[in-house]
N, C-alpha and C. Protein backbone atom coordinates (compact mmCIF):
# COMPACT_ATOMS: atom_id res chain seq x y z
N MET A 1 152.86 158.03 139.82
CA MET A 1 152.31 158.37 138.52
C MET A 1 151.40 157.23 138.06
N LYS A 2 150.31 157.59 137.51
CA LYS A 2 149.36 156.60 137.03
C LYS A 2 149.88 155.93 135.76
N ARG A 3 149.50 154.67 135.59
CA ARG A 3 149.90 153.92 134.41
C ARG A 3 149.36 154.58 133.14
N GLN A 4 148.17 155.14 133.24
CA GLN A 4 147.53 155.76 132.10
C GLN A 4 148.37 156.91 131.54
N LYS A 5 149.01 157.64 132.42
CA LYS A 5 149.82 158.77 131.99
C LYS A 5 151.08 158.33 131.27
N ARG A 6 151.63 157.18 131.65
CA ARG A 6 152.89 156.74 131.07
C ARG A 6 152.74 156.14 129.68
N ASP A 7 151.65 155.45 129.43
CA ASP A 7 151.50 154.76 128.15
C ASP A 7 150.58 155.55 127.23
N MET A 8 151.13 156.54 126.56
CA MET A 8 150.29 157.40 125.74
C MET A 8 149.78 156.70 124.48
N TYR A 9 150.47 155.65 124.04
CA TYR A 9 150.01 154.93 122.86
C TYR A 9 148.73 154.14 123.15
N ALA A 10 148.72 153.44 124.26
CA ALA A 10 147.52 152.69 124.65
C ALA A 10 146.36 153.64 124.94
N ARG A 11 146.67 154.76 125.53
CA ARG A 11 145.65 155.77 125.83
C ARG A 11 145.06 156.35 124.55
N ALA A 12 145.93 156.61 123.56
CA ALA A 12 145.46 157.14 122.27
C ALA A 12 144.59 156.10 121.56
N TYR A 13 145.00 154.83 121.61
CA TYR A 13 144.23 153.76 120.98
C TYR A 13 142.84 153.68 121.61
N LYS A 14 142.81 153.71 122.94
CA LYS A 14 141.54 153.61 123.66
C LYS A 14 140.62 154.78 123.31
N ARG A 15 141.17 155.98 123.27
CA ARG A 15 140.35 157.15 122.93
C ARG A 15 139.86 157.09 121.49
N GLY A 16 140.71 156.61 120.60
CA GLY A 16 140.30 156.44 119.21
C GLY A 16 139.21 155.40 119.07
N TYR A 17 139.35 154.31 119.82
CA TYR A 17 138.34 153.26 119.80
C TYR A 17 136.99 153.81 120.28
N MET A 18 137.03 154.55 121.37
CA MET A 18 135.79 155.13 121.90
C MET A 18 135.16 156.11 120.90
N ALA A 19 135.98 156.87 120.21
CA ALA A 19 135.46 157.79 119.19
C ALA A 19 134.84 157.01 118.03
N GLY A 20 135.46 155.93 117.63
CA GLY A 20 134.95 155.11 116.53
C GLY A 20 133.64 154.44 116.88
N VAL A 21 133.55 153.88 118.07
CA VAL A 21 132.32 153.21 118.51
C VAL A 21 131.17 154.19 118.62
N SER A 22 131.48 155.42 119.03
CA SER A 22 130.42 156.41 119.18
C SER A 22 130.04 157.07 117.85
N GLY A 23 130.72 156.69 116.76
CA GLY A 23 130.34 157.17 115.44
C GLY A 23 130.97 158.48 115.02
N LYS A 24 132.00 158.92 115.71
CA LYS A 24 132.65 160.18 115.35
C LYS A 24 133.54 160.00 114.12
N SER A 25 133.79 161.10 113.46
CA SER A 25 134.62 161.10 112.27
C SER A 25 136.09 160.96 112.63
N LYS A 26 136.88 160.39 111.72
CA LYS A 26 138.31 160.28 112.00
C LYS A 26 138.99 161.65 111.94
N ASP A 27 138.32 162.62 111.37
CA ASP A 27 138.85 163.98 111.35
C ASP A 27 138.82 164.63 112.73
N SER A 28 138.16 163.99 113.69
CA SER A 28 138.07 164.56 115.03
C SER A 28 139.28 164.18 115.89
N CYS A 29 140.29 163.57 115.31
CA CYS A 29 141.50 163.19 116.05
C CYS A 29 142.21 164.44 116.55
N PRO A 30 142.39 164.54 117.87
CA PRO A 30 142.99 165.75 118.44
C PRO A 30 144.52 165.72 118.51
N LEU A 31 145.16 164.67 118.03
CA LEU A 31 146.60 164.48 118.22
C LEU A 31 147.41 164.95 117.02
N ASP A 32 148.62 165.45 117.31
CA ASP A 32 149.50 165.96 116.26
C ASP A 32 150.71 165.08 116.01
N GLN A 33 151.20 164.38 117.03
CA GLN A 33 152.38 163.53 116.86
C GLN A 33 152.02 162.34 115.97
N VAL A 34 152.87 162.04 115.01
CA VAL A 34 152.57 161.05 113.99
C VAL A 34 152.32 159.67 114.59
N GLU A 35 153.20 159.20 115.48
CA GLU A 35 153.07 157.84 116.03
C GLU A 35 151.81 157.71 116.89
N VAL A 36 151.57 158.71 117.71
CA VAL A 36 150.41 158.67 118.61
C VAL A 36 149.13 158.82 117.79
N ARG A 37 149.15 159.66 116.78
CA ARG A 37 147.99 159.82 115.90
C ARG A 37 147.66 158.50 115.19
N GLN A 38 148.69 157.77 114.78
CA GLN A 38 148.47 156.49 114.11
C GLN A 38 147.79 155.49 115.05
N GLU A 39 148.18 155.47 116.31
CA GLU A 39 147.53 154.59 117.29
C GLU A 39 146.07 154.99 117.47
N TRP A 40 145.80 156.29 117.51
CA TRP A 40 144.42 156.77 117.64
C TRP A 40 143.60 156.29 116.45
N LEU A 41 144.16 156.41 115.25
CA LEU A 41 143.46 155.99 114.04
C LEU A 41 143.25 154.48 114.01
N ASN A 42 144.21 153.71 114.50
CA ASN A 42 144.04 152.25 114.59
C ASN A 42 142.87 151.92 115.50
N GLY A 43 142.81 152.58 116.64
CA GLY A 43 141.69 152.38 117.56
C GLY A 43 140.38 152.81 116.95
N TRP A 44 140.42 153.93 116.23
CA TRP A 44 139.20 154.45 115.58
C TRP A 44 138.67 153.43 114.56
N ARG A 45 139.57 152.88 113.74
CA ARG A 45 139.14 151.88 112.74
C ARG A 45 138.51 150.66 113.40
N GLU A 46 139.13 150.18 114.46
CA GLU A 46 138.58 149.03 115.17
C GLU A 46 137.21 149.38 115.78
N GLY A 47 137.11 150.58 116.32
CA GLY A 47 135.84 151.03 116.90
C GLY A 47 134.74 151.17 115.86
N ARG A 48 135.09 151.69 114.70
CA ARG A 48 134.09 151.82 113.62
C ARG A 48 133.62 150.45 113.15
N THR A 49 134.55 149.51 113.03
CA THR A 49 134.18 148.15 112.64
C THR A 49 133.21 147.56 113.64
N ASP A 50 133.51 147.71 114.92
CA ASP A 50 132.62 147.20 115.96
C ASP A 50 131.28 147.91 115.94
N HIS A 51 131.29 149.20 115.66
CA HIS A 51 130.04 149.97 115.57
C HIS A 51 129.17 149.43 114.44
N TRP A 52 129.79 149.17 113.30
CA TRP A 52 129.04 148.65 112.15
C TRP A 52 128.52 147.24 112.40
N GLU A 53 129.25 146.46 113.21
CA GLU A 53 128.82 145.10 113.52
C GLU A 53 127.84 145.05 114.69
N GLY A 54 127.49 146.20 115.22
CA GLY A 54 126.49 146.26 116.28
C GLY A 54 127.03 145.98 117.66
N MET A 55 128.33 146.09 117.85
CA MET A 55 128.92 145.81 119.15
C MET A 55 129.03 147.10 119.97
N THR A 56 127.92 147.75 120.18
CA THR A 56 127.90 148.96 120.98
C THR A 56 127.14 148.69 122.27
N GLY A 57 127.30 149.55 123.23
CA GLY A 57 126.60 149.38 124.49
C GLY A 57 127.08 148.17 125.25
N VAL A 58 126.15 147.39 125.77
CA VAL A 58 126.49 146.23 126.60
C VAL A 58 127.22 145.16 125.81
N SER A 59 126.90 144.98 124.55
CA SER A 59 127.55 143.93 123.76
C SER A 59 129.00 144.26 123.44
N GLY A 60 129.41 145.51 123.58
CA GLY A 60 130.79 145.89 123.30
C GLY A 60 131.66 146.06 124.53
N ILE A 61 131.12 145.78 125.70
CA ILE A 61 131.88 145.99 126.93
C ILE A 61 133.12 145.10 126.98
N HIS A 62 133.00 143.86 126.55
CA HIS A 62 134.17 142.96 126.59
C HIS A 62 135.30 143.48 125.73
N LYS A 63 134.99 144.15 124.66
CA LYS A 63 136.01 144.70 123.77
C LYS A 63 136.78 145.82 124.47
N LEU A 64 136.04 146.67 125.16
CA LEU A 64 136.66 147.78 125.87
C LEU A 64 137.55 147.27 127.00
N ALA A 65 137.15 146.21 127.66
CA ALA A 65 137.96 145.63 128.73
C ALA A 65 139.30 145.14 128.18
N ASN A 66 139.31 144.60 126.98
CA ASN A 66 140.54 144.13 126.37
C ASN A 66 141.43 145.30 125.92
N VAL A 67 140.81 146.40 125.55
CA VAL A 67 141.56 147.55 125.11
C VAL A 67 142.29 148.19 126.28
N THR A 68 141.65 148.24 127.44
CA THR A 68 142.24 148.89 128.60
C THR A 68 143.25 148.02 129.32
N ALA A 69 143.23 146.74 129.06
CA ALA A 69 144.15 145.82 129.78
C ALA A 69 145.57 145.94 129.27
């Protein structure tokens, strides 16, 4: 089994971060479970902050590497 499948919280955070960096609304969260949804929203907030600070594209790659680790 892949590590990605086992850690749904880290996966939700990463997906939320990617949604935030790409400028999507927090209403686009596809998750229903409260704990997992909260992780997605935490990632989304961090991604939006990075988006506003201009850390998109190549300048934001280091951030994504830390999220997936």
